[in-house]
């Protein structure tokens, strides 16, 4: 986390090395490898499982040192000889990605003395309910590869391949739509279409999913599909997707993925903006992730390579 590099002097002097990687309300994550390398000069030649054991020994020793210091802390700061403060080692983490407070991924290999292989992810954007699951699964796979030592070049090729699958139509549109529950539909629906008009008025400030749902209902009515297919109503769970320039000047369209009228499907097949889906939903997150990793001082070649990739 970037702000940990600018810690106050009473935590770490400017000329000192900051070994704290992340902290939250009741936990602190410290880099134990420098101590391990000091104790075991050939530490990096050991098998990973043995390195985990060494790191755990370092952590257990460190927890005892801090716990013993709590005696002095309570006497000096709280004026009491008795306390229940105790430092406890929770886990050995072989690799981690800290995006922000409570937004991270960590590869846990030992927890409370027990060997395990667990990927613990909290709060990252691709886990949100409104993130298309197929895009979230791809991001999750890339994240796991990075944590386990995946190479940048190999990951870039996978991103290019996945983009090709999106743009070529290999991945169905239903899987690319943003899942959401339509809220405040009535609030932002203005005057209904009158004689000679095609569309309902959309009031200022309407969220994109609401605008997309209103336009879906308008097309059902305009094309006479409302006798066989249901309108989208308040709180319905739908998907929505951006669309390219079209005769109706619609910017996005919602739909039920289990009941798409043929004419609506044909419209989406022609005008769904797969490029925008890739760039606005997935690529933005990948750019931020790539930048955080610090793999390159210049991110532009990476971005341009993706944006100029042709199927």
Protein backbone atom coordinates (compact mmCIF):
# COMPACT_ATOMS: atom_id res chain seq x y z
CA UNK A 1 0.00 0.00 0.00
CA UNK A 2 1.47 3.29 -1.11
CA UNK A 3 0.68 5.31 2.02
CA UNK A 4 2.68 2.88 4.16
CA UNK A 5 5.80 4.11 2.37
CA UNK A 6 5.27 7.52 4.01
CA UNK A 7 4.92 6.50 7.65
CA UNK A 8 5.41 8.88 10.60
CA UNK A 9 8.87 9.19 12.10
CA UNK A 10 7.82 7.45 15.33
CA UNK A 11 7.00 4.29 13.35
CA UNK A 12 9.90 4.37 10.93
CA UNK A 13 12.57 7.00 10.34
CA UNK A 14 12.91 8.18 6.71
CA UNK A 15 16.30 6.48 6.36
CA UNK A 16 15.12 3.18 7.85
CA UNK A 17 13.57 0.27 6.01
CA UNK A 18 9.83 -0.11 6.56
CA UNK A 19 9.04 -3.80 7.03
CA UNK A 20 5.31 -3.26 7.52
CA UNK A 21 3.38 -4.31 4.42
CA UNK A 22 -0.18 -3.76 5.64
CA UNK A 23 -2.22 -3.21 8.78
CA UNK A 24 -5.84 -2.96 9.79
CA UNK A 25 -7.77 -2.72 13.08
CA UNK A 26 -6.29 -5.72 14.85
CA UNK A 27 -3.64 -7.16 12.52
CA UNK A 28 -0.25 -6.22 11.16
CA UNK A 29 1.54 -7.88 8.24
CA UNK A 30 5.33 -7.78 8.39
CA UNK A 31 8.05 -8.87 5.97
CA UNK A 32 9.91 -11.62 7.84
CA UNK A 33 12.19 -12.59 4.97
CA UNK A 34 15.06 -10.17 5.82
CA UNK A 35 15.33 -11.71 9.31
CA UNK A 36 15.14 -15.22 7.84
CA UNK A 37 17.90 -14.40 5.35
CA UNK A 38 20.04 -13.01 8.18
CA UNK A 39 19.61 -16.18 10.24
CA UNK A 40 19.90 -18.49 7.22
CA UNK A 41 22.16 -16.95 4.54
CA UNK A 42 21.13 -19.66 2.05
CA UNK A 43 17.43 -19.19 2.88
CA UNK A 44 16.39 -18.67 -0.75
CA UNK A 45 17.81 -22.05 -1.77
CA UNK A 46 15.49 -23.95 0.59
CA UNK A 47 12.30 -25.62 -0.67
CA UNK A 48 9.25 -23.42 -0.20
CA UNK A 49 7.79 -25.63 2.55
CA UNK A 50 11.02 -25.30 4.57
CA UNK A 51 11.03 -21.55 4.07
CA UNK A 52 7.49 -21.44 5.43
CA UNK A 53 8.69 -23.30 8.54
CA UNK A 54 11.53 -20.84 9.05
CA UNK A 55 9.23 -17.83 8.60
CA UNK A 56 6.84 -19.29 11.17
CA UNK A 57 9.70 -19.75 13.67
CA UNK A 58 10.69 -16.12 13.17
CA UNK A 59 7.08 -14.99 13.67
CA UNK A 60 6.64 -17.05 16.84
CA UNK A 61 9.83 -15.63 18.31
CA UNK A 62 8.76 -12.11 17.35
CA UNK A 63 5.34 -12.54 18.98
CA UNK A 64 7.00 -13.49 22.29
CA UNK A 65 9.25 -10.43 22.20
CA UNK A 66 6.26 -8.13 21.69
CA UNK A 67 4.15 -9.90 24.32
CA UNK A 68 6.95 -9.46 26.86
CA UNK A 69 7.20 -5.79 25.95
CA UNK A 70 3.52 -5.34 26.81
CA UNK A 71 4.51 -5.61 30.50
CA UNK A 72 6.58 -2.43 30.20
CA UNK A 73 4.00 -0.77 27.98
CA UNK A 74 1.21 -1.24 30.50
CA UNK A 75 3.33 0.00 33.39
CA UNK A 76 4.67 3.04 31.53
CA UNK A 77 1.57 4.06 29.57
CA UNK A 78 -1.42 2.67 31.47
CA UNK A 79 -0.01 2.62 35.01
CA UNK A 80 -1.02 -0.98 35.67
CA UNK A 81 1.10 -4.06 36.33
CA UNK A 82 -1.65 -6.39 35.13
CA UNK A 83 -2.98 -6.81 31.58
CA UNK A 84 -4.35 -9.26 29.07
CA UNK A 85 -2.49 -8.00 26.04
CA UNK A 86 -0.92 -10.69 23.91
CA UNK A 87 0.56 -10.86 20.43
CA UNK A 88 -0.39 -13.95 18.41
CA UNK A 89 0.91 -15.24 15.08
CA UNK A 90 -2.00 -15.94 12.75
CA UNK A 91 -0.56 -17.11 9.46
CA UNK A 92 2.43 -17.44 7.16
CA UNK A 93 1.74 -15.79 3.83
CA UNK A 94 3.94 -16.71 0.90
CA UNK A 95 2.68 -13.87 -1.29
CA UNK A 96 0.06 -11.13 -1.01
CA UNK A 97 -1.47 -8.23 -2.92
CA UNK A 98 -2.68 -5.26 -0.87
CA UNK A 99 -4.81 -2.90 -2.93
CA UNK A 100 -6.17 -0.75 -0.12
CA UNK A 101 -7.65 -1.03 3.35
CA UNK A 102 -9.64 -4.28 3.55
CA UNK A 103 -9.02 -4.90 -0.13
CA UNK A 104 -6.39 -7.57 -0.57
CA UNK A 105 -5.51 -11.11 -1.60
CA UNK A 106 -3.15 -13.36 0.32
CA UNK A 107 -1.76 -16.82 -0.35
CA UNK A 108 -1.74 -18.49 3.07
CA UNK A 109 0.52 -21.53 3.41
CA UNK A 110 0.41 -21.98 7.20
CA UNK A 111 -2.29 -20.94 9.63
CA UNK A 112 -1.95 -21.41 13.39
CA UNK A 113 0.72 -24.03 12.82
CA UNK A 114 -1.20 -26.03 10.22
CA UNK A 115 0.08 -26.31 6.65
CA UNK A 116 -2.51 -25.32 4.04
CA UNK A 117 -2.98 -23.79 0.60
CA UNK A 118 -5.59 -21.03 0.85
CA UNK A 119 -6.21 -17.96 -1.26
CA UNK A 120 -7.93 -15.41 0.97
CA UNK A 121 -9.45 -12.51 -0.99
CA UNK A 122 -11.25 -9.56 0.56
CA UNK A 123 -12.96 -6.56 -1.02
CA UNK A 124 -11.40 -6.54 -4.51
CA UNK A 125 -13.56 -5.07 -7.25
CA UNK A 126 -14.05 -8.26 -9.26
CA UNK A 127 -15.82 -9.86 -6.28
CA UNK A 128 -18.70 -7.38 -6.35
CA UNK A 129 -22.16 -8.66 -7.22
CA UNK A 130 -22.45 -6.28 -10.20
CA UNK A 131 -19.25 -7.58 -11.83
CA UNK A 132 -19.91 -10.09 -14.64
CA UNK A 133 -18.98 -13.50 -13.17
CA UNK A 134 -17.04 -14.62 -16.24
CA UNK A 135 -14.85 -11.50 -16.06
CA UNK A 136 -14.46 -11.94 -12.31
CA UNK A 137 -13.36 -15.56 -12.75
CA UNK A 138 -10.75 -14.47 -15.32
CA UNK A 139 -9.39 -11.74 -13.03
CA UNK A 140 -9.32 -14.18 -10.12
CA UNK A 141 -7.30 -16.66 -12.20
CA UNK A 142 -4.81 -13.96 -13.22
CA UNK A 143 -4.49 -12.86 -9.59
CA UNK A 144 -3.73 -16.41 -8.44
CA UNK A 145 -1.09 -16.83 -11.13
CA UNK A 146 0.63 -13.59 -10.08
CA UNK A 147 0.66 -14.60 -6.42
CA UNK A 148 2.20 -17.92 -7.37
CA UNK A 149 4.93 -16.40 -9.52
CA UNK A 150 3.29 -16.10 -12.95
CA UNK A 151 5.28 -14.25 -15.59
CA UNK A 152 4.09 -10.94 -17.03
CA UNK A 153 4.56 -12.03 -20.64
CA UNK A 154 2.48 -15.17 -20.18
CA UNK A 155 -0.29 -13.25 -18.41
CA UNK A 156 -0.34 -10.61 -21.16
CA UNK A 157 -0.88 -13.35 -23.76
CA UNK A 158 -3.79 -14.73 -21.73
CA UNK A 159 -5.38 -11.28 -21.60
CA UNK A 160 -5.03 -10.92 -25.38
CA UNK A 161 -6.61 -14.34 -25.90
CA UNK A 162 -9.49 -13.51 -23.56
CA UNK A 163 -10.07 -10.21 -25.34
CA UNK A 164 -10.22 -12.09 -28.65
CA UNK A 165 -12.87 -14.41 -27.17
CA UNK A 166 -14.96 -11.42 -26.06
CA UNK A 167 -14.73 -9.45 -29.31
CA UNK A 168 -15.17 -12.41 -31.63
CA UNK A 169 -18.46 -13.45 -30.03
CA UNK A 170 -17.02 -16.65 -28.63
CA UNK A 171 -18.34 -15.60 -25.24
CA UNK A 172 -22.16 -15.15 -25.25
CA UNK A 173 -23.51 -11.68 -24.51
CA UNK A 174 -25.56 -13.00 -21.61
CA UNK A 175 -22.30 -13.75 -19.79
CA UNK A 176 -20.90 -10.26 -20.43
CA UNK A 177 -23.86 -8.31 -19.06
CA UNK A 178 -23.54 -6.49 -15.74
CA UNK A 179 -25.80 -8.23 -13.20
CA UNK A 180 -27.90 -5.86 -11.12
CA UNK A 181 -31.20 -5.35 -9.36
CA UNK A 182 -33.09 -2.45 -10.93
CA UNK A 183 -33.75 0.12 -8.22
CA UNK A 184 -35.55 3.47 -8.39
CA UNK A 185 -37.07 2.62 -11.79
CA UNK A 186 -40.19 4.65 -11.07
CA UNK A 187 -38.18 7.56 -9.66
CA UNK A 188 -36.35 8.16 -12.93
CA UNK A 189 -39.13 7.28 -15.38
CA UNK A 190 -40.64 10.50 -16.68
CA UNK A 191 -43.47 11.06 -19.14
CA UNK A 192 -44.41 7.95 -21.11
CA UNK A 193 -44.05 7.99 -24.87
CA UNK A 194 -46.95 9.86 -26.50
CA UNK A 195 -48.30 9.73 -30.01
CA UNK A 196 -45.46 10.13 -32.48
CA UNK A 197 -42.83 9.43 -29.82
CA UNK A 198 -40.84 6.24 -29.36
CA UNK A 199 -39.34 6.48 -25.92
CA UNK A 200 -40.14 7.25 -22.31
CA UNK A 201 -38.56 10.34 -20.78
CA UNK A 202 -35.61 9.47 -18.55
CA UNK A 203 -35.13 11.95 -15.72
CA UNK A 204 -31.76 13.52 -14.96
CA UNK A 205 -29.43 11.51 -12.75
CA UNK A 206 -30.77 8.08 -13.69
CA UNK A 207 -28.13 5.36 -13.13
CA UNK A 208 -27.02 3.39 -16.20
CA UNK A 209 -28.90 0.18 -15.20
CA UNK A 210 -32.13 2.15 -14.81
CA UNK A 211 -31.69 3.87 -18.18
CA UNK A 212 -30.98 0.49 -19.77
CA UNK A 213 -34.12 -1.05 -18.21
CA UNK A 214 -36.35 1.82 -19.34
CA UNK A 215 -35.10 1.46 -22.90
CA UNK A 216 -35.71 -2.29 -22.85
CA UNK A 217 -39.33 -1.68 -21.86
CA UNK A 218 -39.63 0.94 -24.59
CA UNK A 219 -38.41 -1.51 -27.23
CA UNK A 220 -40.84 -4.19 -26.01
CA UNK A 221 -43.70 -1.76 -26.47
CA UNK A 222 -42.39 -0.27 -29.73
CA UNK A 223 -41.91 -3.68 -31.35
CA UNK A 224 -45.12 -5.19 -29.96
CA UNK A 225 -43.28 -7.77 -27.87
CA UNK A 226 -44.97 -6.94 -24.58
CA UNK A 227 -47.77 -9.47 -25.13
CA UNK A 228 -45.36 -12.41 -24.87
CA UNK A 229 -42.55 -10.99 -22.75
CA UNK A 230 -42.54 -9.24 -19.37
CA UNK A 231 -41.52 -5.67 -18.79
CA UNK A 232 -38.67 -5.03 -16.37
CA UNK A 233 -40.18 -3.80 -13.12
CA UNK A 234 -38.90 -2.36 -9.86
CA UNK A 235 -36.33 -4.63 -8.09
CA UNK A 236 -36.14 -7.15 -10.96
CA UNK A 237 -32.77 -8.83 -11.33
CA UNK A 238 -31.44 -8.24 -14.84
CA UNK A 239 -28.26 -7.79 -16.81
CA UNK A 240 -27.36 -4.74 -18.84
CA UNK A 241 -24.76 -4.00 -21.48
CA UNK A 242 -23.41 -1.00 -23.38
CA UNK A 243 -24.44 -0.69 -27.02
CA UNK A 244 -22.74 1.06 -29.93
CA UNK A 245 -24.20 3.87 -32.01
CA UNK A 246 -27.57 2.68 -33.33
CA UNK A 247 -30.69 4.08 -35.06
CA UNK A 248 -32.48 4.50 -31.72
CA UNK A 249 -29.60 6.33 -29.99
CA UNK A 250 -29.73 3.89 -27.09
CA UNK A 251 -26.58 3.87 -24.96
CA UNK A 252 -27.23 0.69 -22.96
CA UNK A 253 -29.86 -2.03 -22.84
CA UNK A 254 -31.00 -4.30 -20.02
CA UNK A 255 -32.46 -7.77 -20.46
CA UNK A 256 -33.48 -10.93 -18.65
CA UNK A 257 -30.88 -13.53 -19.57
CA UNK A 258 -33.49 -16.30 -19.32
CA UNK A 259 -36.04 -14.60 -21.60
CA UNK A 260 -34.58 -12.54 -24.45
CA UNK A 261 -37.00 -11.84 -27.32
CA UNK A 262 -35.52 -12.80 -30.67
CA UNK A 263 -35.70 -9.23 -31.99
CA UNK A 264 -33.95 -7.89 -28.87
CA UNK A 265 -31.29 -10.58 -29.24
CA UNK A 266 -30.75 -9.66 -32.89
CA UNK A 267 -30.39 -6.01 -31.90
CA UNK A 268 -27.80 -6.91 -29.25
CA UNK A 269 -25.90 -9.16 -31.63
CA UNK A 270 -25.42 -6.21 -33.96
CA UNK A 271 -24.98 -3.31 -31.54
CA UNK A 272 -23.68 -4.68 -28.20
CA UNK A 273 -20.40 -2.88 -27.51
CA UNK A 274 -18.11 -5.77 -26.61
CA UNK A 275 -15.06 -3.52 -26.86
CA UNK A 276 -16.44 -1.16 -24.23
CA UNK A 277 -17.37 -4.08 -21.98
CA UNK A 278 -13.77 -5.28 -22.08
CA UNK A 279 -12.17 -1.87 -21.62
CA UNK A 280 -14.52 -0.26 -19.09
CA UNK A 281 -15.11 -3.28 -16.88
CA UNK A 282 -12.10 -5.58 -17.08
CA UNK A 283 -9.18 -3.66 -18.61
CA UNK A 284 -9.44 -0.80 -16.11
CA UNK A 285 -9.07 -3.24 -13.23
CA UNK A 286 -6.20 -5.05 -14.94
CA UNK A 287 -4.40 -1.75 -15.56
CA UNK A 288 -4.63 -0.83 -11.88
CA UNK A 289 -3.45 -4.29 -10.85
CA UNK A 290 -0.55 -4.21 -13.32
CA UNK A 291 0.49 -0.76 -12.15
CA UNK A 292 0.41 -1.82 -8.48
CA UNK A 293 2.75 -4.71 -9.27
CA UNK A 294 5.34 -2.28 -10.60
CA UNK A 295 6.29 -4.61 -13.41
CA UNK A 296 7.15 -1.70 -15.68
CA UNK A 297 7.93 1.96 -15.29
CA UNK A 298 6.00 2.70 -18.48
CA UNK A 299 2.51 1.20 -18.58
CA UNK A 300 1.67 2.60 -22.02
CA UNK A 301 3.16 -0.22 -24.13
CA UNK A 302 1.04 -2.69 -22.19
CA UNK A 303 -2.13 -0.66 -22.63
CA UNK A 304 -1.48 0.04 -26.30
CA UNK A 305 -0.74 -3.59 -27.00
CA UNK A 306 -4.13 -4.53 -25.61
CA UNK A 307 -6.11 -1.74 -27.23
CA UNK A 308 -4.54 -2.22 -30.65
CA UNK A 309 -4.95 -5.99 -30.64
CA UNK A 310 -7.05 -7.00 -33.65
CA UNK A 311 -9.03 -10.18 -34.08
